Amino acid sequence: MNVECTRFKVKEGKSRVVDDWMELLNNRIEEVLLTLQDEKMYVETIFREVVDGDEYLYWYSVQGENGADVTDSQHEIDQLHLAYWEECIDPNYGPVDLNAQVVMIPKYIRRSMGEPIEGGYL
């Protein structure tokens, strides 16, 4: 299981396009959720922040092993998502992976994800 939180910088002047992107994902959430199965994505959340005038998007995810890569997807919603990504995410600012210190997922939830159970709670 991979638990990640990664920060990406938004290109200058693309804030309104990010609004449209997030609106698209929220409005078509049923399609988005269907694509997560192929990726073995159990949880995916996008956070947004502005710091000193720079805008960032953070992706938090809990994903199973050997899931499909979104770039290989043939789903229309993923193609739209990737087009927004190309337009909005600054490739000159490398992604910043935050370090997970504690992963708190109870055993009963891990079991439902089909994950091996070692120690942990419940």
N, C-alpha and C. Protein backbone atom coordinates (compact mmCIF):
# COMPACT_ATOMS: atom_id res chain seq x y z
N MET A 1 0.85 -1.17 0.00
CA MET A 1 0.00 0.00 0.00
C MET A 1 0.90 1.24 0.00
N ASN A 2 0.56 2.21 -0.82
CA ASN A 2 1.28 3.47 -0.89
C ASN A 2 0.41 4.59 -0.33
N VAL A 3 0.92 5.30 0.66
CA VAL A 3 0.24 6.46 1.22
C VAL A 3 1.12 7.66 0.90
N GLU A 4 0.57 8.61 0.14
CA GLU A 4 1.38 9.73 -0.32
C GLU A 4 0.64 11.06 -0.16
N CYS A 5 1.43 12.10 0.04
CA CYS A 5 0.94 13.46 -0.02
C CYS A 5 2.02 14.26 -0.76
N THR A 6 1.65 14.83 -1.90
CA THR A 6 2.62 15.50 -2.76
C THR A 6 2.12 16.88 -3.12
N ARG A 7 3.05 17.86 -3.08
CA ARG A 7 2.73 19.24 -3.41
C ARG A 7 3.20 19.56 -4.83
N PHE A 8 2.32 20.23 -5.58
CA PHE A 8 2.62 20.69 -6.93
C PHE A 8 2.31 22.18 -7.01
N LYS A 9 3.14 22.92 -7.71
CA LYS A 9 2.92 24.35 -7.86
C LYS A 9 2.07 24.62 -9.10
N VAL A 10 1.14 25.54 -8.94
CA VAL A 10 0.27 25.96 -10.04
C VAL A 10 1.00 27.05 -10.81
N LYS A 11 0.93 26.97 -12.13
CA LYS A 11 1.53 28.01 -12.98
C LYS A 11 0.88 29.35 -12.66
N GLU A 12 1.70 30.39 -12.72
CA GLU A 12 1.20 31.74 -12.48
C GLU A 12 0.09 32.07 -13.48
N GLY A 13 -0.99 32.67 -12.97
CA GLY A 13 -2.09 33.09 -13.82
C GLY A 13 -3.09 31.99 -14.16
N LYS A 14 -2.94 30.80 -13.56
CA LYS A 14 -3.83 29.67 -13.89
C LYS A 14 -4.86 29.36 -12.80
N SER A 15 -5.00 30.24 -11.84
CA SER A 15 -5.91 29.98 -10.73
C SER A 15 -7.35 29.75 -11.19
N ARG A 16 -7.81 30.56 -12.13
CA ARG A 16 -9.19 30.39 -12.62
C ARG A 16 -9.36 29.08 -13.40
N VAL A 17 -8.31 28.67 -14.08
CA VAL A 17 -8.37 27.39 -14.79
C VAL A 17 -8.41 26.25 -13.78
N VAL A 18 -7.67 26.41 -12.66
CA VAL A 18 -7.74 25.41 -11.59
C VAL A 18 -9.15 25.35 -11.03
N ASP A 19 -9.81 26.50 -10.88
CA ASP A 19 -11.22 26.51 -10.45
C ASP A 19 -12.05 25.63 -11.37
N ASP A 20 -11.88 25.81 -12.68
CA ASP A 20 -12.63 25.02 -13.65
C ASP A 20 -12.30 23.52 -13.53
N TRP A 21 -11.03 23.22 -13.33
CA TRP A 21 -10.56 21.84 -13.19
C TRP A 21 -11.22 21.17 -11.99
N MET A 22 -11.16 21.83 -10.85
CA MET A 22 -11.75 21.26 -9.64
C MET A 22 -13.27 21.13 -9.78
N GLU A 23 -13.88 22.10 -10.44
CA GLU A 23 -15.33 22.03 -10.69
C GLU A 23 -15.65 20.83 -11.58
N LEU A 24 -14.85 20.61 -12.61
CA LEU A 24 -15.06 19.45 -13.48
C LEU A 24 -15.01 18.15 -12.69
N LEU A 25 -13.97 17.99 -11.87
CA LEU A 25 -13.83 16.76 -11.09
C LEU A 25 -15.00 16.59 -10.12
N ASN A 26 -15.40 17.67 -9.45
CA ASN A 26 -16.52 17.59 -8.52
C ASN A 26 -17.84 17.30 -9.23
N ASN A 27 -18.06 17.93 -10.37
CA ASN A 27 -19.32 17.73 -11.11
C ASN A 27 -19.43 16.36 -11.75
N ARG A 28 -18.29 15.74 -12.02
CA ARG A 28 -18.28 14.43 -12.68
C ARG A 28 -17.69 13.36 -11.75
N ILE A 29 -17.95 13.52 -10.46
CA ILE A 29 -17.34 12.66 -9.46
C ILE A 29 -17.65 11.18 -9.67
N GLU A 30 -18.84 10.86 -10.16
CA GLU A 30 -19.17 9.44 -10.39
C GLU A 30 -18.23 8.82 -11.41
N GLU A 31 -17.91 9.55 -12.48
CA GLU A 31 -16.96 9.07 -13.49
C GLU A 31 -15.56 8.95 -12.88
N VAL A 32 -15.19 9.95 -12.09
CA VAL A 32 -13.88 9.94 -11.44
C VAL A 32 -13.74 8.70 -10.57
N LEU A 33 -14.76 8.43 -9.77
CA LEU A 33 -14.70 7.29 -8.85
C LEU A 33 -14.57 5.96 -9.60
N LEU A 34 -15.19 5.86 -10.76
CA LEU A 34 -15.07 4.63 -11.55
C LEU A 34 -13.64 4.39 -12.02
N THR A 35 -12.92 5.46 -12.33
CA THR A 35 -11.55 5.29 -12.82
C THR A 35 -10.58 4.87 -11.72
N LEU A 36 -10.93 5.15 -10.47
CA LEU A 36 -10.04 4.83 -9.36
C LEU A 36 -9.83 3.33 -9.20
N GLN A 37 -10.80 2.53 -9.61
CA GLN A 37 -10.67 1.07 -9.51
C GLN A 37 -9.46 0.57 -10.27
N ASP A 38 -9.29 1.04 -11.50
CA ASP A 38 -8.16 0.61 -12.33
C ASP A 38 -6.83 0.96 -11.68
N GLU A 39 -6.80 2.08 -10.98
CA GLU A 39 -5.58 2.56 -10.34
C GLU A 39 -5.34 1.93 -8.96
N LYS A 40 -6.30 1.11 -8.50
CA LYS A 40 -6.27 0.58 -7.14
C LYS A 40 -6.14 1.72 -6.13
N MET A 41 -6.83 2.81 -6.44
CA MET A 41 -6.80 4.01 -5.60
C MET A 41 -7.96 3.92 -4.61
N TYR A 42 -7.62 3.82 -3.33
CA TYR A 42 -8.64 3.70 -2.30
C TYR A 42 -9.14 5.07 -1.85
N VAL A 43 -8.21 6.02 -1.77
CA VAL A 43 -8.54 7.38 -1.33
C VAL A 43 -7.69 8.33 -2.17
N GLU A 44 -8.32 9.36 -2.70
CA GLU A 44 -7.56 10.41 -3.38
C GLU A 44 -8.25 11.73 -3.06
N THR A 45 -7.49 12.67 -2.55
CA THR A 45 -8.02 13.96 -2.16
C THR A 45 -7.07 15.04 -2.67
N ILE A 46 -7.64 16.12 -3.19
CA ILE A 46 -6.84 17.25 -3.66
C ILE A 46 -7.10 18.43 -2.73
N PHE A 47 -6.02 18.97 -2.19
CA PHE A 47 -6.08 20.16 -1.34
C PHE A 47 -5.48 21.32 -2.12
N ARG A 48 -5.87 22.52 -1.74
CA ARG A 48 -5.40 23.73 -2.43
C ARG A 48 -4.96 24.75 -1.40
N GLU A 49 -3.85 25.45 -1.70
CA GLU A 49 -3.31 26.43 -0.76
C GLU A 49 -2.60 27.54 -1.53
N VAL A 50 -2.66 28.75 -0.98
CA VAL A 50 -1.89 29.88 -1.49
C VAL A 50 -0.96 30.33 -0.37
N VAL A 51 0.35 30.38 -0.69
CA VAL A 51 1.36 30.81 0.28
C VAL A 51 2.20 31.91 -0.37
N ASP A 52 2.21 33.08 0.23
CA ASP A 52 2.99 34.21 -0.28
C ASP A 52 2.71 34.47 -1.76
N GLY A 53 1.45 34.34 -2.16
CA GLY A 53 1.06 34.62 -3.53
C GLY A 53 1.25 33.47 -4.50
N ASP A 54 1.90 32.38 -4.07
CA ASP A 54 2.06 31.19 -4.92
C ASP A 54 1.00 30.17 -4.57
N GLU A 55 0.41 29.58 -5.61
CA GLU A 55 -0.66 28.60 -5.40
C GLU A 55 -0.12 27.18 -5.56
N TYR A 56 -0.61 26.29 -4.69
CA TYR A 56 -0.18 24.90 -4.70
C TYR A 56 -1.39 23.99 -4.63
N LEU A 57 -1.26 22.83 -5.25
CA LEU A 57 -2.22 21.75 -5.10
C LEU A 57 -1.48 20.59 -4.44
N TYR A 58 -2.16 19.94 -3.50
CA TYR A 58 -1.60 18.80 -2.80
C TYR A 58 -2.47 17.58 -3.11
N TRP A 59 -1.84 16.50 -3.49
CA TRP A 59 -2.56 15.24 -3.72
C TRP A 59 -2.24 14.33 -2.55
N TYR A 60 -3.30 13.90 -1.86
CA TYR A 60 -3.17 12.89 -0.81
C TYR A 60 -3.82 11.63 -1.34
N SER A 61 -3.11 10.50 -1.23
CA SER A 61 -3.69 9.26 -1.76
C SER A 61 -3.28 8.06 -0.93
N VAL A 62 -4.17 7.08 -0.95
CA VAL A 62 -3.91 5.75 -0.42
C VAL A 62 -4.20 4.81 -1.58
N GLN A 63 -3.15 4.13 -2.02
CA GLN A 63 -3.25 3.33 -3.24
C GLN A 63 -2.66 1.95 -3.02
N GLY A 64 -3.32 0.94 -3.59
CA GLY A 64 -2.80 -0.42 -3.54
C GLY A 64 -1.62 -0.58 -4.49
N GLU A 65 -0.96 -1.70 -4.37
CA GLU A 65 0.19 -2.00 -5.21
C GLU A 65 -0.24 -2.33 -6.64
N ASN A 66 0.60 -1.94 -7.58
CA ASN A 66 0.44 -2.30 -9.01
C ASN A 66 -0.84 -1.80 -9.65
N GLY A 67 -1.28 -0.63 -9.26
CA GLY A 67 -2.44 -0.02 -9.91
C GLY A 67 -2.04 0.58 -11.25
N ALA A 68 -3.01 0.74 -12.12
CA ALA A 68 -2.76 1.36 -13.42
C ALA A 68 -2.39 2.82 -13.24
N ASP A 69 -1.55 3.32 -14.13
CA ASP A 69 -1.17 4.74 -14.10
C ASP A 69 -2.23 5.55 -14.82
N VAL A 70 -2.59 6.69 -14.26
CA VAL A 70 -3.63 7.53 -14.85
C VAL A 70 -3.27 7.92 -16.29
N THR A 71 -1.97 8.03 -16.60
CA THR A 71 -1.57 8.42 -17.95
C THR A 71 -1.87 7.34 -18.98
N ASP A 72 -2.14 6.12 -18.53
CA ASP A 72 -2.50 5.03 -19.44
C ASP A 72 -4.01 4.88 -19.61
N SER A 73 -4.77 5.68 -18.89
CA SER A 73 -6.23 5.56 -18.88
C SER A 73 -6.84 5.99 -20.21
N GLN A 74 -7.88 5.29 -20.59
CA GLN A 74 -8.65 5.64 -21.78
C GLN A 74 -9.96 6.34 -21.42
N HIS A 75 -10.22 6.52 -20.13
CA HIS A 75 -11.44 7.18 -19.68
C HIS A 75 -11.40 8.67 -20.07
N GLU A 76 -12.50 9.18 -20.58
CA GLU A 76 -12.57 10.58 -20.99
C GLU A 76 -12.24 11.52 -19.83
N ILE A 77 -12.76 11.23 -18.65
CA ILE A 77 -12.54 12.12 -17.52
C ILE A 77 -11.05 12.19 -17.17
N ASP A 78 -10.33 11.08 -17.31
CA ASP A 78 -8.90 11.10 -17.04
C ASP A 78 -8.15 11.89 -18.10
N GLN A 79 -8.60 11.81 -19.34
CA GLN A 79 -7.96 12.59 -20.40
C GLN A 79 -8.15 14.09 -20.16
N LEU A 80 -9.34 14.48 -19.73
CA LEU A 80 -9.60 15.88 -19.39
C LEU A 80 -8.76 16.32 -18.19
N HIS A 81 -8.70 15.45 -17.19
CA HIS A 81 -7.91 15.71 -15.99
C HIS A 81 -6.44 15.95 -16.36
N LEU A 82 -5.89 15.12 -17.22
CA LEU A 82 -4.49 15.26 -17.63
C LEU A 82 -4.26 16.52 -18.47
N ALA A 83 -5.24 16.91 -19.26
CA ALA A 83 -5.12 18.14 -20.04
C ALA A 83 -5.06 19.35 -19.10
N TYR A 84 -5.91 19.37 -18.08
CA TYR A 84 -5.85 20.44 -17.09
C TYR A 84 -4.50 20.43 -16.37
N TRP A 85 -4.04 19.23 -16.04
CA TRP A 85 -2.74 19.09 -15.37
C TRP A 85 -1.66 19.78 -16.21
N GLU A 86 -1.60 19.46 -17.48
CA GLU A 86 -0.59 20.05 -18.36
C GLU A 86 -0.69 21.56 -18.41
N GLU A 87 -1.92 22.06 -18.41
CA GLU A 87 -2.13 23.50 -18.50
C GLU A 87 -1.80 24.22 -17.19
N CYS A 88 -2.01 23.56 -16.06
CA CYS A 88 -1.97 24.25 -14.77
C CYS A 88 -0.75 23.98 -13.90
N ILE A 89 -0.15 22.81 -14.00
CA ILE A 89 0.92 22.44 -13.08
C ILE A 89 2.27 22.87 -13.64
N ASP A 90 3.04 23.58 -12.83
CA ASP A 90 4.34 24.11 -13.22
C ASP A 90 5.39 22.99 -13.25
N PRO A 91 5.87 22.63 -14.45
CA PRO A 91 6.85 21.53 -14.54
C PRO A 91 8.24 21.93 -14.04
N ASN A 92 8.49 23.22 -13.88
CA ASN A 92 9.78 23.69 -13.40
C ASN A 92 9.92 23.61 -11.88
N TYR A 93 8.80 23.40 -11.21
CA TYR A 93 8.80 23.23 -9.76
C TYR A 93 8.54 21.76 -9.51
N GLY A 94 9.59 21.03 -9.18
CA GLY A 94 9.43 19.59 -8.99
C GLY A 94 8.43 19.25 -7.91
N PRO A 95 7.73 18.15 -8.06
CA PRO A 95 6.80 17.74 -7.00
C PRO A 95 7.54 17.53 -5.68
N VAL A 96 6.90 17.89 -4.61
CA VAL A 96 7.49 17.74 -3.28
C VAL A 96 6.67 16.70 -2.52
N ASP A 97 7.30 15.56 -2.22
CA ASP A 97 6.63 14.52 -1.45
C ASP A 97 6.81 14.81 0.03
N LEU A 98 5.69 14.88 0.75
CA LEU A 98 5.75 15.05 2.19
C LEU A 98 6.01 13.69 2.81
N ASN A 99 6.73 13.67 3.93
CA ASN A 99 7.09 12.42 4.59
C ASN A 99 5.99 11.97 5.54
N ALA A 100 5.41 10.81 5.28
CA ALA A 100 4.42 10.26 6.21
C ALA A 100 5.14 9.81 7.48
N GLN A 101 4.65 10.23 8.61
CA GLN A 101 5.24 9.86 9.89
C GLN A 101 4.46 8.75 10.57
N VAL A 102 3.16 8.77 10.42
CA VAL A 102 2.30 7.75 11.01
C VAL A 102 1.15 7.53 10.04
N VAL A 103 0.86 6.28 9.72
CA VAL A 103 -0.28 5.94 8.87
C VAL A 103 -1.29 5.23 9.76
N MET A 104 -2.44 5.87 9.95
CA MET A 104 -3.45 5.34 10.86
C MET A 104 -4.64 4.83 10.06
N ILE A 105 -4.57 3.56 9.69
CA ILE A 105 -5.67 2.91 8.98
C ILE A 105 -5.98 1.63 9.76
N PRO A 106 -7.15 1.57 10.37
CA PRO A 106 -7.50 0.38 11.15
C PRO A 106 -7.48 -0.90 10.30
N LYS A 107 -7.21 -2.01 10.98
CA LYS A 107 -7.12 -3.30 10.30
C LYS A 107 -8.37 -3.63 9.50
N TYR A 108 -9.54 -3.33 10.05
CA TYR A 108 -10.77 -3.70 9.36
C TYR A 108 -10.91 -2.96 8.03
N ILE A 109 -10.38 -1.76 7.95
CA ILE A 109 -10.42 -1.03 6.69
C ILE A 109 -9.36 -1.59 5.75
N ARG A 110 -8.17 -1.87 6.26
CA ARG A 110 -7.11 -2.47 5.43
C ARG A 110 -7.57 -3.80 4.86
N ARG A 111 -8.28 -4.59 5.67
CA ARG A 111 -8.80 -5.88 5.19
C ARG A 111 -9.75 -5.66 4.02
N SER A 112 -10.62 -4.64 4.12
CA SER A 112 -11.58 -4.39 3.04
C SER A 112 -10.89 -3.90 1.77
N MET A 113 -9.65 -3.40 1.92
CA MET A 113 -8.86 -2.98 0.76
C MET A 113 -8.04 -4.15 0.21
N GLY A 114 -8.11 -5.30 0.90
CA GLY A 114 -7.35 -6.45 0.45
C GLY A 114 -5.87 -6.36 0.79
N GLU A 115 -5.54 -5.52 1.76
CA GLU A 115 -4.13 -5.33 2.14
C GLU A 115 -3.72 -6.35 3.20
N PRO A 116 -2.44 -6.75 3.17
CA PRO A 116 -1.94 -7.63 4.24
C PRO A 116 -2.01 -6.92 5.59
N ILE A 117 -2.32 -7.65 6.62
CA ILE A 117 -2.50 -7.07 7.95
C ILE A 117 -1.30 -7.44 8.81
N GLU A 118 -0.55 -6.43 9.24
CA GLU A 118 0.57 -6.64 10.14
C GLU A 118 0.44 -5.62 11.27
N GLY A 119 0.24 -6.08 12.46
CA GLY A 119 0.15 -5.16 13.60
C GLY A 119 -0.99 -4.18 13.43
N GLY A 120 -0.85 -3.03 14.03
CA GLY A 120 -1.86 -1.99 13.85
C GLY A 120 -2.99 -2.09 14.83
N TYR A 121 -4.02 -1.36 14.57
CA TYR A 121 -5.14 -1.19 15.47
C TYR A 121 -6.37 -1.91 14.93
N LEU A 122 -7.07 -2.64 15.79
CA LEU A 122 -8.32 -3.33 15.47
C LEU A 122 -8.10 -4.39 14.41
